[in-house]
């Protein structure tokens, strides 16, 4: 046995060499020194690493939603406002939740427990929405659950006080408060604002305990004042709805313009929808038919044919037109009048809505002249409203016209318009031949229009349009107590698969007071299903109700005696059909 390396003490314990304890002490001292150096380095010299790790565990950058601008009518009445709501979100990796709490949470936010579990399953995600835009009282119940990793975020939800009355005009926003339809979409850049962001620190339960810094302040959206008058809008909506339901029509639209400025005071469609309901209807109901849909205007085009011929010096209001018993054959196709006559003056052509008379006048003009009359009146081009999806209508190049096409376009077949475009065109008769641009925004001063027809021509056509609403014309039901009215009816066959079918678009466009027009009202009823389908029977009464009430709302002085309305007899109701 080697006694040089091992010594057995009398007590029975083994004695270690002294050098080993010294080595161990040195190693411990070196480790402590390295830790001290490392701590000084990380906390004093290169502290960004620890800060980064701490931020990753407890720091978050949260988005601060910008307040969307308010939309009001011309009198300051709110049409779209943003109200604060709370959205529930989670950081799945931080969530500590029991099955009972999952069931409670799911019940509060209105989703299934399985959906909650699915959203919390991916713990690698730092942010996931559980439910967007909860009312404050529901959000308070979520807070009471005190679930770690579940937080609230302030957002805004759009509310539309007018509901279905203004829906096609105002449109709506999506869950992220971005415009999807109507004015909300058209003016997204002005209304939307810019979201901000903020850095915060959260505790282990997921609650914000400190705001560290504002990285970017939110910029609120700007308010927008529309040209709309809420009272006239409600009136127009009510009347078009009643007309569609009464006539059992497929749909209907109405536009009310300030004749002097081109401002849209009302625009409504029926059927409609409630934009406050997030369950959106089908696309056909969402469409703003008054702006996005095209149709053949029928006899409401005749005043523009007559005005073009008057301006060209081809006719005068008293010129007699040989209407040949209401029959005219062009290129093998026959044009008929609903009310045959051997001859009519130009004024009577408008009053009786003669297709044959209008076609003969049109054929007396070079195609280019008639085309310019239509084009300069705004047909075939947008109105200037900047409404999303606005249709341009169709006005073919005159070089492609055949004589029969020139004849039929003169009374509104073979040309297409939208209702807003047609209403705008009638500004030429309200403003001494000047065409106004359309605007949906309130204007402080009237915009300058484009001269289309002479002052004399515009006045002569307006005088003819007054004859339309008197007994013997096609629209005596458009008369208004205390006001002179000028307007034109239309009853156009619908075109399907290249053929005209026995379904109709009934329309009326009119001005009042005729002595100094203040308003233009255009009404279109699509496919009336009852026995009455003429524009003078279906659309003219809507015009009368809306125009009369609107003029009184605006305090427009009477330009006729209060007993001016001559109640028509059945014999006075002159039918028309194009």
Protein backbone atom coordinates (compact mmCIF):
# COMPACT_ATOMS: atom_id res chain seq x y z
CA UNK A 1 0.00 0.00 0.00
CA UNK A 2 1.25 3.50 -0.91
CA UNK A 3 1.27 5.71 2.16
CA UNK A 4 2.71 8.72 0.20
CA UNK A 5 -0.63 9.93 -1.15
CA UNK A 6 -3.17 8.85 1.46
CA UNK A 7 -3.14 9.40 5.19
CA UNK A 8 -5.61 7.58 7.45
CA UNK A 9 -6.45 9.69 10.47
CA UNK A 10 -7.36 8.15 13.76
CA UNK A 11 -10.89 9.47 13.46
CA UNK A 12 -11.49 7.45 10.28
CA UNK A 13 -11.90 10.54 7.93
CA UNK A 14 -10.01 11.06 4.61
CA UNK A 15 -7.88 14.24 4.47
CA UNK A 16 -7.76 16.03 1.02
CA UNK A 17 -4.72 17.85 -0.25
CA UNK A 18 -4.66 21.58 0.55
CA UNK A 19 -4.00 22.61 -3.06
CA UNK A 20 -7.40 21.33 -4.24
CA UNK A 21 -9.31 23.72 -1.99
CA UNK A 22 -7.22 26.59 -3.22
CA UNK A 23 -7.92 25.66 -6.85
CA UNK A 24 -11.64 25.47 -6.13
CA UNK A 25 -11.56 28.87 -4.44
CA UNK A 26 -9.79 30.42 -7.41
CA UNK A 27 -12.32 28.93 -9.85
CA UNK A 28 -15.26 30.24 -7.81
CA UNK A 29 -13.66 33.64 -7.60
CA UNK A 30 -13.04 33.70 -11.38
CA UNK A 31 -16.66 32.70 -12.06
CA UNK A 32 -17.93 35.44 -9.76
CA UNK A 33 -15.67 37.96 -11.44
CA UNK A 34 -16.85 36.91 -14.91
CA UNK A 35 -20.46 37.24 -13.80
CA UNK A 36 -19.73 40.67 -12.40
CA UNK A 37 -18.01 41.75 -15.62
CA UNK A 38 -20.89 40.34 -17.66
CA UNK A 39 -23.44 42.17 -15.51
CA UNK A 40 -21.56 45.44 -15.85
CA UNK A 41 -21.30 44.92 -19.60
CA UNK A 42 -24.97 44.10 -20.11
CA UNK A 43 -26.42 46.66 -17.72
CA UNK A 44 -24.00 49.48 -18.14
CA UNK A 45 -22.32 49.20 -21.51
CA UNK A 46 -24.49 47.04 -23.78
CA UNK A 47 -27.88 47.20 -22.08
CA UNK A 48 -29.91 47.05 -25.32
CA UNK A 49 -29.91 43.24 -25.26
CA UNK A 50 -31.69 42.96 -21.90
CA UNK A 51 -34.02 45.78 -22.83
CA UNK A 52 -34.92 43.92 -26.02
CA UNK A 53 -35.60 40.69 -24.14
CA UNK A 54 -37.70 42.51 -21.55
CA UNK A 55 -39.67 44.31 -24.21
CA UNK A 56 -40.29 41.04 -26.00
CA UNK A 57 -41.87 39.60 -22.87
CA UNK A 58 -43.71 42.58 -21.45
CA UNK A 59 -43.65 45.34 -24.06
CA UNK A 60 -46.22 45.73 -26.84
CA UNK A 61 -46.85 48.24 -29.60
CA UNK A 62 -50.60 48.82 -29.82
CA UNK A 63 -52.45 50.61 -32.60
CA UNK A 64 -54.48 53.67 -31.71
CA UNK A 65 -57.43 53.98 -34.07
CA UNK A 66 -58.17 57.39 -35.55
CA UNK A 67 -61.59 58.94 -35.11
CA UNK A 68 -63.40 58.98 -38.47
CA UNK A 69 -64.80 62.30 -39.60
CA UNK A 70 -68.52 62.98 -39.29
CA UNK A 71 -70.83 63.34 -42.29
CA UNK A 72 -73.59 65.92 -41.93
CA UNK A 73 -76.31 67.31 -44.15
CA UNK A 74 -76.31 70.93 -45.33
CA UNK A 75 -77.92 72.05 -42.06
CA UNK A 76 -75.52 70.21 -39.74
CA UNK A 77 -77.73 67.18 -39.09
CA UNK A 78 -75.53 64.08 -38.59
CA UNK A 79 -75.75 61.44 -41.30
CA UNK A 80 -72.77 59.32 -40.18
CA UNK A 81 -70.99 59.40 -36.81
CA UNK A 82 -68.36 57.22 -35.13
CA UNK A 83 -69.05 55.89 -31.64
CA UNK A 84 -66.35 54.35 -29.38
CA UNK A 85 -66.45 50.56 -28.96
CA UNK A 86 -64.09 47.96 -27.54
CA UNK A 87 -62.54 45.00 -29.33
CA UNK A 88 -61.40 41.93 -27.38
CA UNK A 89 -57.98 40.58 -28.31
CA UNK A 90 -55.54 38.07 -26.91
CA UNK A 91 -51.86 37.26 -26.80
CA UNK A 92 -52.20 33.45 -26.97
CA UNK A 93 -48.83 32.77 -25.36
CA UNK A 94 -49.80 34.79 -22.28
CA UNK A 95 -53.32 33.43 -21.86
CA UNK A 96 -54.07 31.42 -18.72
CA UNK A 97 -57.66 30.29 -18.88
CA UNK A 98 -59.82 27.52 -17.50
CA UNK A 99 -62.54 25.68 -19.46
CA UNK A 100 -65.17 27.45 -17.36
CA UNK A 101 -63.69 30.85 -18.23
CA UNK A 102 -63.60 29.93 -21.94
CA UNK A 103 -67.31 29.13 -21.78
CA UNK A 104 -68.04 32.42 -20.01
CA UNK A 105 -65.92 34.42 -22.45
CA UNK A 106 -67.54 32.78 -25.48
CA UNK A 107 -71.00 33.56 -24.15
CA UNK A 108 -70.16 37.23 -23.53
CA UNK A 109 -68.61 37.90 -26.94
CA UNK A 110 -71.15 35.80 -28.84
CA UNK A 111 -68.98 33.08 -30.38
CA UNK A 112 -68.62 29.36 -29.68
CA UNK A 113 -66.14 27.97 -27.09
CA UNK A 114 -64.55 25.96 -29.92
CA UNK A 115 -63.85 29.18 -31.84
CA UNK A 116 -62.25 30.74 -28.75
CA UNK A 117 -60.01 27.67 -28.30
CA UNK A 118 -59.09 27.75 -32.01
CA UNK A 119 -58.01 31.38 -31.85
CA UNK A 120 -55.93 30.77 -28.71
CA UNK A 121 -54.31 27.57 -30.01
CA UNK A 122 -51.36 29.17 -31.82
CA UNK A 123 -49.20 30.38 -28.93
CA UNK A 124 -46.56 31.72 -31.33
CA UNK A 125 -48.89 34.60 -32.26
CA UNK A 126 -48.70 37.77 -30.20
CA UNK A 127 -52.04 39.22 -31.28
CA UNK A 128 -55.39 37.81 -32.31
CA UNK A 129 -58.87 39.35 -32.22
CA UNK A 130 -61.51 37.36 -30.36
CA UNK A 131 -64.36 39.79 -31.11
CA UNK A 132 -64.48 43.19 -32.78
CA UNK A 133 -66.53 46.20 -31.76
CA UNK A 134 -68.35 45.22 -28.59
CA UNK A 135 -70.64 47.67 -26.79
CA UNK A 136 -69.07 49.07 -23.58
CA UNK A 137 -71.38 47.05 -21.30
CA UNK A 138 -70.27 43.76 -22.92
CA UNK A 139 -66.62 44.79 -22.79
CA UNK A 140 -66.96 45.47 -19.05
CA UNK A 141 -68.08 41.85 -18.51
CA UNK A 142 -64.94 40.61 -20.29
CA UNK A 143 -62.76 42.69 -17.97
CA UNK A 144 -64.48 41.21 -14.91
CA UNK A 145 -63.34 37.72 -15.92
CA UNK A 146 -59.71 38.82 -15.24
CA UNK A 147 -58.22 36.35 -17.71
CA UNK A 148 -54.44 36.83 -18.17
CA UNK A 149 -53.52 37.63 -21.78
CA UNK A 150 -57.00 38.91 -22.71
CA UNK A 151 -57.19 42.67 -23.34
CA UNK A 152 -59.43 45.36 -24.81
CA UNK A 153 -58.64 47.78 -27.58
CA UNK A 154 -60.53 51.02 -28.20
CA UNK A 155 -61.98 51.31 -31.71
CA UNK A 156 -64.80 53.19 -33.41
CA UNK A 157 -67.95 51.92 -35.05
CA UNK A 158 -69.92 53.87 -37.63
CA UNK A 159 -73.53 54.72 -36.87
CA UNK A 160 -76.01 56.04 -39.41
CA UNK A 161 -78.91 58.00 -37.85
CA UNK A 162 -80.82 58.00 -41.17
CA UNK A 163 -80.69 54.21 -41.53
CA UNK A 164 -82.28 53.01 -44.77
CA UNK A 165 -83.38 56.55 -45.72
CA UNK A 166 -79.82 57.61 -46.62
CA UNK A 167 -78.12 54.25 -47.08
CA UNK A 168 -77.61 54.34 -50.86
CA UNK A 169 -76.18 57.83 -50.65
CA UNK A 170 -73.96 57.57 -47.56
CA UNK A 171 -72.91 53.93 -47.93
CA UNK A 172 -71.13 52.19 -45.05
CA UNK A 173 -67.74 51.19 -43.62
CA UNK A 174 -66.27 47.79 -42.88
CA UNK A 175 -65.18 46.49 -39.48
CA UNK A 176 -61.88 48.37 -39.84
CA UNK A 177 -63.79 51.63 -40.44
CA UNK A 178 -62.83 51.89 -44.11
CA UNK A 179 -65.46 53.14 -46.57
CA UNK A 180 -67.03 50.42 -48.73
CA UNK A 181 -69.88 52.16 -50.56
CA UNK A 182 -71.26 55.60 -51.32
CA UNK A 183 -69.86 58.79 -49.80
CA UNK A 184 -67.96 56.73 -47.23
CA UNK A 185 -65.96 55.19 -50.08
CA UNK A 186 -65.77 58.26 -52.32
CA UNK A 187 -64.35 60.47 -49.54
CA UNK A 188 -62.34 57.81 -47.68
CA UNK A 189 -59.17 59.91 -47.88
CA UNK A 190 -60.84 62.88 -46.21
CA UNK A 191 -62.94 61.01 -43.67
CA UNK A 192 -60.62 58.18 -42.65
CA UNK A 193 -57.74 59.91 -40.86
CA UNK A 194 -54.55 58.01 -39.94
CA UNK A 195 -54.12 55.50 -37.12
CA UNK A 196 -51.43 56.05 -34.47
CA UNK A 197 -49.37 53.68 -32.34
CA UNK A 198 -48.19 53.52 -28.73
CA UNK A 199 -45.64 51.43 -26.86
CA UNK A 200 -46.88 49.95 -23.58
CA UNK A 201 -45.75 47.54 -20.85
CA UNK A 202 -48.02 44.71 -19.74
CA UNK A 203 -47.90 42.58 -16.62
CA UNK A 204 -47.99 38.78 -16.58
CA UNK A 205 -51.80 38.88 -16.65
CA UNK A 206 -51.77 40.80 -19.93
CA UNK A 207 -52.95 44.14 -18.53
CA UNK A 208 -51.34 47.42 -19.52
CA UNK A 209 -49.47 48.81 -16.50
CA UNK A 210 -47.53 51.63 -18.12
CA UNK A 211 -47.59 53.76 -21.28
CA UNK A 212 -43.96 53.91 -22.38
CA UNK A 213 -44.10 56.21 -25.39
CA UNK A 214 -46.35 57.52 -28.12
CA UNK A 215 -44.72 56.38 -31.34
CA UNK A 216 -47.20 58.08 -33.67
CA UNK A 217 -50.18 60.20 -32.70
CA UNK A 218 -53.45 59.35 -34.48
CA UNK A 219 -54.76 61.93 -36.92
CA UNK A 220 -58.53 62.27 -36.87
CA UNK A 221 -60.45 62.35 -40.14
CA UNK A 222 -62.09 65.53 -41.39
CA UNK A 223 -65.80 66.24 -41.24
CA UNK A 224 -67.79 66.49 -44.48
CA UNK A 225 -70.88 68.62 -45.12
CA UNK A 226 -73.08 67.27 -47.87
CA UNK A 227 -75.52 69.15 -50.05
CA UNK A 228 -78.31 66.86 -48.83
CA UNK A 229 -81.28 68.30 -46.93
CA UNK A 230 -82.37 65.60 -44.45
CA UNK A 231 -86.01 66.69 -44.46
CA UNK A 232 -86.26 66.59 -48.24
CA UNK A 233 -84.34 63.29 -48.27
CA UNK A 234 -86.86 61.70 -45.89
CA UNK A 235 -89.74 63.06 -47.94
CA UNK A 236 -88.30 61.73 -51.22
CA UNK A 237 -87.56 58.32 -49.71
CA UNK A 238 -91.06 57.97 -48.29
CA UNK A 239 -92.74 58.89 -51.57
CA UNK A 240 -90.66 56.63 -53.81
CA UNK A 241 -91.16 53.72 -51.42
CA UNK A 242 -94.93 54.22 -51.44
CA UNK A 243 -94.99 54.55 -55.23
CA UNK A 244 -93.06 51.30 -55.77
CA UNK A 245 -95.27 49.41 -53.34
CA UNK A 246 -98.50 50.89 -54.74
CA UNK A 247 -97.62 50.16 -58.35
CA UNK A 248 -96.12 46.75 -57.48
CA UNK A 249 -92.94 47.80 -59.25
CA UNK A 250 -89.57 46.13 -59.14
CA UNK A 251 -87.76 49.25 -57.88
CA UNK A 252 -87.77 53.02 -57.98
CA UNK A 253 -85.43 56.00 -57.72
CA UNK A 254 -85.75 59.73 -57.14
CA UNK A 255 -83.37 62.69 -57.36
CA UNK A 256 -83.96 66.24 -56.13
CA UNK A 257 -81.57 68.97 -57.37
CA UNK A 258 -81.13 72.62 -56.56
CA UNK A 259 -81.70 73.93 -60.08
CA UNK A 260 -79.43 76.94 -59.58
CA UNK A 261 -76.36 75.26 -58.08
CA UNK A 262 -76.49 71.62 -59.20
CA UNK A 263 -76.46 70.50 -55.55
CA UNK A 264 -78.15 67.18 -54.82
CA UNK A 265 -80.73 67.85 -52.10
CA UNK A 266 -82.06 64.29 -52.03
CA UNK A 267 -81.32 60.96 -53.67
CA UNK A 268 -83.18 57.78 -52.72
CA UNK A 269 -83.99 54.30 -53.95
CA UNK A 270 -86.38 51.55 -52.99
CA UNK A 271 -85.78 48.75 -52.04
CA UNK A 272 -83.24 49.93 -49.51
CA UNK A 273 -81.25 48.47 -46.60
CA UNK A 274 -80.15 49.45 -43.09
CA UNK A 275 -76.39 50.18 -43.00
CA UNK A 276 -76.37 49.80 -39.20
CA UNK A 277 -77.01 46.08 -39.70
CA UNK A 278 -73.70 44.32 -40.38
CA UNK A 279 -75.52 41.52 -42.17
CA UNK A 280 -75.45 43.03 -45.64
CA UNK A 281 -78.14 42.26 -48.24
CA UNK A 282 -77.43 41.08 -51.77
CA UNK A 283 -75.62 43.25 -54.28
CA UNK A 284 -78.78 44.28 -56.13
CA UNK A 285 -80.13 46.00 -53.00
CA UNK A 286 -76.78 47.66 -52.25
CA UNK A 287 -76.64 49.29 -55.69
CA UNK A 288 -77.46 52.98 -55.91
CA UNK A 289 -79.76 52.56 -58.93
CA UNK A 290 -80.17 56.32 -59.44
CA UNK A 291 -76.45 56.63 -60.22
CA UNK A 292 -75.02 53.26 -61.23
CA UNK A 293 -77.82 51.84 -63.40
CA UNK A 294 -78.51 52.76 -67.01
CA UNK A 295 -81.90 52.69 -68.71
CA UNK A 296 -83.51 54.07 -71.86
CA UNK A 297 -85.14 57.39 -70.91
CA UNK A 298 -87.99 57.32 -73.43
CA UNK A 299 -89.91 60.53 -73.99
CA UNK A 300 -88.01 62.50 -71.34
CA UNK A 301 -85.40 62.92 -74.14
CA UNK A 302 -87.82 64.75 -76.47
CA UNK A 303 -87.20 68.25 -75.03
CA UNK A 304 -83.51 67.97 -75.98
CA UNK A 305 -84.38 67.02 -79.57
CA UNK A 306 -86.75 69.99 -79.80
CA UNK A 307 -84.22 72.36 -78.17
CA UNK A 308 -81.50 71.31 -80.62
CA UNK A 309 -83.79 71.94 -83.60
CA UNK A 310 -84.93 75.30 -82.18
CA UNK A 311 -81.32 76.39 -81.68
CA UNK A 312 -80.47 75.27 -85.22
CA UNK A 313 -83.32 77.42 -86.58
CA UNK A 314 -85.13 74.46 -88.14
CA UNK A 315 -88.41 75.01 -86.26
CA UNK A 316 -90.33 77.41 -84.05
CA UNK A 317 -92.80 76.52 -81.26
CA UNK A 318 -95.73 77.15 -83.62
CA UNK A 319 -94.33 75.24 -86.59
CA UNK A 320 -96.84 72.63 -87.73
CA UNK A 321 -95.53 69.08 -88.10
CA UNK A 322 -97.36 66.60 -90.33
CA UNK A 323 -97.72 63.61 -88.00
CA UNK A 324 -99.63 61.59 -90.64
CA UNK A 325 -102.12 60.01 -88.29
CA UNK A 326 -99.41 58.91 -85.86
CA UNK A 327 -97.54 56.57 -88.23
CA UNK A 328 -94.06 56.94 -89.71
CA UNK A 329 -92.02 54.27 -91.53
CA UNK A 330 -88.23 54.61 -91.64
CA UNK A 331 -85.93 51.94 -93.09
CA UNK A 332 -88.78 49.45 -93.05
CA UNK A 333 -89.59 50.03 -89.40
CA UNK A 334 -92.78 51.78 -88.30
CA UNK A 335 -93.00 54.38 -85.53
CA UNK A 336 -96.39 54.85 -83.84
CA UNK A 337 -98.03 57.48 -81.66
CA UNK A 338 -100.23 56.42 -78.76
CA UNK A 339 -102.54 59.37 -79.60
CA UNK A 340 -102.74 59.66 -83.43
CA UNK A 341 -103.16 63.10 -84.99
CA UNK A 342 -102.95 64.40 -88.56
CA UNK A 343 -100.74 67.32 -87.57
CA UNK A 344 -99.37 68.97 -84.41
CA UNK A 345 -97.45 72.14 -83.64
CA UNK A 346 -94.02 71.71 -82.14
CA UNK A 347 -95.44 72.73 -78.76
CA UNK A 348 -98.15 70.06 -79.10
CA UNK A 349 -95.53 67.47 -80.04
CA UNK A 350 -94.12 67.97 -76.54
CA UNK A 351 -97.52 68.29 -74.86
CA UNK A 352 -98.93 65.12 -76.44
CA UNK A 353 -95.53 63.37 -76.49
CA UNK A 354 -95.65 62.53 -80.19
CA UNK A 355 -93.02 60.03 -81.29
CA UNK A 356 -93.74 60.67 -84.96
CA UNK A 357 -93.48 64.46 -84.59
CA UNK A 358 -90.23 64.22 -82.65
CA UNK A 359 -88.74 61.74 -85.14
CA UNK A 360 -89.59 63.98 -88.10
CA UNK A 361 -87.98 66.96 -86.39
CA UNK A 362 -84.86 64.89 -85.62
CA UNK A 363 -84.58 63.65 -89.21
CA UNK A 364 -84.61 67.25 -90.43
CA UNK A 365 -81.28 67.77 -88.65
CA UNK A 366 -77.82 66.53 -89.66
CA UNK A 367 -76.86 63.62 -87.36
CA UNK A 368 -73.86 65.58 -86.08
CA UNK A 369 -76.08 68.48 -84.97
CA UNK A 370 -78.42 66.22 -82.99
CA UNK A 371 -75.47 64.38 -81.46
CA UNK A 372 -73.91 67.65 -80.29
CA UNK A 373 -77.23 68.71 -78.75
CA UNK A 374 -77.34 65.49 -76.73
CA UNK A 375 -73.66 65.36 -75.86
CA UNK A 376 -73.45 68.97 -74.72
CA UNK A 377 -76.49 68.35 -72.50
CA UNK A 378 -74.39 65.83 -70.58
CA UNK A 379 -75.53 62.56 -72.12
CA UNK A 380 -72.78 59.99 -72.54
CA UNK A 381 -70.61 61.54 -69.80
CA UNK A 382 -70.51 61.57 -66.02
CA UNK A 383 -72.25 64.28 -64.02
CA UNK A 384 -69.32 65.43 -61.90
CA UNK A 385 -70.78 63.95 -58.70
CA UNK A 386 -67.72 61.66 -58.25
CA UNK A 387 -70.03 59.01 -56.80
CA UNK A 388 -68.38 55.55 -56.93
CA UNK A 389 -69.53 53.45 -59.85
CA UNK A 390 -71.42 56.24 -61.60
CA UNK A 391 -72.55 55.13 -65.05
CA UNK A 392 -71.73 57.29 -68.06
CA UNK A 393 -74.70 56.20 -70.13
CA UNK A 394 -74.42 55.41 -73.83
CA UNK A 395 -74.49 57.88 -76.69
CA UNK A 396 -73.08 56.32 -79.85
CA UNK A 397 -70.99 58.25 -82.34
CA UNK A 398 -73.25 59.95 -84.90
CA UNK A 399 -71.12 58.54 -87.73
CA UNK A 400 -72.60 55.10 -87.02
CA UNK A 401 -76.25 56.22 -86.96
CA UNK A 402 -78.76 54.95 -89.48
CA UNK A 403 -81.86 57.09 -90.13
CA UNK A 404 -84.08 54.80 -88.02
CA UNK A 405 -81.61 55.09 -85.13
CA UNK A 406 -81.55 58.86 -85.40
CA UNK A 407 -85.35 58.83 -85.34
CA UNK A 408 -85.68 56.54 -82.30
CA UNK A 409 -82.93 58.24 -80.29
CA UNK A 410 -84.89 61.48 -80.61
CA UNK A 411 -87.52 60.01 -78.28
CA UNK A 412 -85.17 58.08 -76.01
CA UNK A 413 -84.72 54.66 -77.59
CA UNK A 414 -81.19 53.52 -78.46
CA UNK A 415 -79.63 55.84 -75.87
CA UNK A 416 -79.13 55.12 -72.16
CA UNK A 417 -78.83 57.35 -69.11
CA UNK A 418 -78.82 57.18 -65.35
CA UNK A 419 -81.43 59.15 -63.39
CA UNK A 420 -78.93 61.61 -61.91
CA UNK A 421 -77.59 62.32 -65.39
CA UNK A 422 -81.10 62.96 -66.69
CA UNK A 423 -81.93 65.30 -63.80
CA UNK A 424 -78.72 67.21 -64.47
CA UNK A 425 -79.56 67.60 -68.16
CA UNK A 426 -82.76 69.45 -67.24
CA UNK A 427 -80.67 72.20 -65.61
CA UNK A 428 -80.30 73.64 -69.14
CA UNK A 429 -84.01 74.53 -69.11
CA UNK A 430 -83.82 75.96 -65.59
CA UNK A 431 -80.76 78.16 -66.16
CA UNK A 432 -81.25 79.87 -69.52
CA UNK A 433 -79.56 77.08 -71.46
CA UNK A 434 -76.66 76.56 -69.01
CA UNK A 435 -75.71 73.01 -67.94
CA UNK A 436 -74.65 72.72 -64.30
CA UNK A 437 -72.24 70.18 -62.83
CA UNK A 438 -73.65 67.96 -60.12
CA UNK A 439 -72.23 68.05 -56.58
CA UNK A 440 -72.95 66.09 -53.42
CA UNK A 441 -71.09 68.64 -51.28
CA UNK A 442 -72.58 71.84 -49.95
CA UNK A 443 -71.63 74.84 -52.08
CA UNK A 444 -71.31 78.37 -50.78
CA UNK A 445 -71.60 79.89 -54.24
CA UNK A 446 -73.23 78.52 -57.43
CA UNK A 447 -70.84 76.81 -59.80
CA UNK A 448 -70.42 78.19 -63.30
CA UNK A 449 -72.14 76.04 -65.90
CA UNK A 450 -71.58 75.45 -69.61
CA UNK A 451 -73.79 77.19 -72.14
CA UNK A 452 -75.64 74.63 -74.29
CA UNK A 453 -78.73 76.38 -75.68
CA UNK A 454 -79.63 80.04 -76.12
CA UNK A 455 -81.71 81.88 -73.52
CA UNK A 456 -84.61 82.04 -75.98
CA UNK A 457 -84.53 78.31 -76.73
CA UNK A 458 -84.42 77.35 -73.05
CA UNK A 459 -87.41 79.57 -72.29
CA UNK A 460 -89.40 78.29 -75.28
CA UNK A 461 -88.88 74.67 -74.26
CA UNK A 462 -89.79 75.48 -70.65
CA UNK A 463 -93.04 77.03 -71.88
CA UNK A 464 -93.79 73.85 -73.84
CA UNK A 465 -93.04 71.72 -70.78
CA UNK A 466 -95.66 73.71 -68.84
CA UNK A 467 -98.26 72.51 -71.31
CA UNK A 468 -97.44 68.89 -70.41
CA UNK A 469 -98.87 69.21 -66.89
CA UNK A 470 -102.08 70.90 -67.94
CA UNK A 471 -105.24 69.04 -69.00
CA UNK A 472 -104.60 67.75 -72.50
CA UNK A 473 -100.97 66.97 -71.67
CA UNK A 474 -99.50 63.68 -70.50
CA UNK A 475 -98.98 64.70 -66.84
CA UNK A 476 -101.83 66.69 -65.28
CA UNK A 477 -101.22 64.66 -62.10
CA UNK A 478 -97.93 66.56 -61.73
CA UNK A 479 -99.70 69.86 -60.95
CA UNK A 480 -98.90 71.55 -57.62
CA UNK A 481 -101.11 73.93 -55.69
CA UNK A 482 -99.74 77.46 -55.85
CA UNK A 483 -96.89 76.74 -58.26
CA UNK A 484 -96.41 76.58 -62.01
CA UNK A 485 -94.80 73.35 -63.10
CA UNK A 486 -92.86 72.36 -66.23
CA UNK A 487 -91.92 68.77 -66.92
CA UNK A 488 -91.92 65.74 -69.18
CA UNK A 489 -93.17 62.19 -68.86
CA UNK A 490 -91.55 59.03 -70.16
CA UNK A 491 -92.88 55.48 -70.59
CA UNK A 492 -90.20 53.33 -72.21
CA UNK A 493 -90.35 49.66 -73.14
CA UNK A 494 -87.47 47.71 -71.57
CA UNK A 495 -84.87 46.19 -73.85
CA UNK A 496 -83.98 42.55 -73.19
CA UNK A 497 -81.74 40.40 -75.39
CA UNK A 498 -81.95 42.96 -78.17
CA UNK A 499 -85.76 43.09 -78.20
CA UNK A 500 -88.27 45.44 -76.61
CA UNK A 501 -90.61 43.63 -74.22
CA UNK A 502 -93.87 44.56 -72.51
CA UNK A 503 -92.20 45.79 -69.35
CA UNK A 504 -91.74 49.47 -68.77
CA UNK A 505 -89.77 52.23 -67.10
CA UNK A 506 -92.16 55.01 -66.06
CA UNK A 507 -90.54 58.39 -65.42
CA UNK A 508 -91.12 62.09 -64.95
CA UNK A 509 -88.67 65.00 -64.75
CA UNK A 510 -89.89 68.46 -63.83
CA UNK A 511 -88.98 71.98 -62.70
CA UNK A 512 -90.74 74.38 -60.35
CA UNK A 513 -91.62 77.15 -59.97
CA UNK A 514 -91.70 77.34 -63.75
CA UNK A 515 -91.38 81.15 -63.67
CA UNK A 516 -87.97 80.91 -61.92
CA UNK A 517 -87.01 77.24 -61.32
CA UNK A 518 -85.62 76.48 -57.90
CA UNK A 519 -85.80 72.67 -57.86
CA UNK A 520 -85.58 69.79 -60.32
CA UNK A 521 -87.15 66.46 -59.37
CA UNK A 522 -86.58 63.31 -61.43
CA UNK A 523 -88.59 60.15 -60.71
CA UNK A 524 -88.11 56.68 -62.20
CA UNK A 525 -90.27 53.63 -61.44
CA UNK A 526 -88.88 50.38 -62.79
CA UNK A 527 -91.36 47.80 -64.09
CA UNK A 528 -94.65 48.91 -62.52
CA UNK A 529 -96.77 45.79 -62.22
CA UNK A 530 -100.29 47.19 -62.04
CA UNK A 531 -102.66 48.22 -64.81
CA UNK A 532 -101.28 51.79 -64.60
CA UNK A 533 -97.75 51.96 -65.96
CA UNK A 534 -97.52 55.30 -67.80
CA UNK A 535 -95.11 57.92 -66.48
CA UNK A 536 -97.98 60.38 -66.11
CA UNK A 537 -99.87 57.94 -63.89
CA UNK A 538 -97.07 56.37 -61.84
CA UNK A 539 -94.19 58.88 -61.64
CA UNK A 540 -95.92 62.26 -62.00
CA UNK A 541 -97.84 62.02 -58.68
CA UNK A 542 -94.56 61.29 -56.86
CA UNK A 543 -93.07 64.40 -58.43
CA UNK A 544 -96.06 66.48 -57.35
CA UNK A 545 -95.91 65.31 -53.73
CA UNK A 546 -92.16 65.74 -53.36
CA UNK A 547 -91.81 69.00 -55.28
CA UNK A 548 -94.77 70.67 -53.57
CA UNK A 549 -93.64 69.77 -50.04
CA UNK A 550 -89.98 70.62 -50.76
CA UNK A 551 -90.85 74.08 -52.12
CA UNK A 552 -92.88 74.79 -49.02
CA UNK A 553 -90.05 73.54 -46.76
CA UNK A 554 -87.66 75.94 -48.48
CA UNK A 555 -90.12 78.83 -48.29
CA UNK A 556 -90.16 79.34 -52.05
CA UNK A 557 -92.83 81.97 -52.94
CA UNK A 558 -95.85 80.90 -54.94
CA UNK A 559 -95.95 81.88 -58.60
CA UNK A 560 -99.56 80.79 -59.21
CA UNK A 561 -102.92 81.21 -57.43
CA UNK A 562 -103.79 78.65 -54.78
CA UNK A 563 -106.68 77.45 -56.94
CA UNK A 564 -104.49 76.82 -59.97
CA UNK A 565 -104.75 73.01 -59.95
CA UNK A 566 -107.27 71.77 -62.51
CA UNK A 567 -108.35 68.30 -61.49
CA UNK A 568 -108.13 66.11 -64.57
CA UNK A 569 -110.93 63.86 -65.75
CA UNK A 570 -110.12 60.41 -67.16
CA UNK A 571 -110.40 61.97 -70.63
CA UNK A 572 -107.70 64.49 -69.71
CA UNK A 573 -105.14 61.75 -68.99
CA UNK A 574 -103.31 61.48 -72.30
CA UNK A 575 -101.33 58.21 -72.47
CA UNK A 576 -97.91 57.85 -74.05
CA UNK A 577 -95.79 54.84 -74.85
CA UNK A 578 -92.38 54.61 -76.40
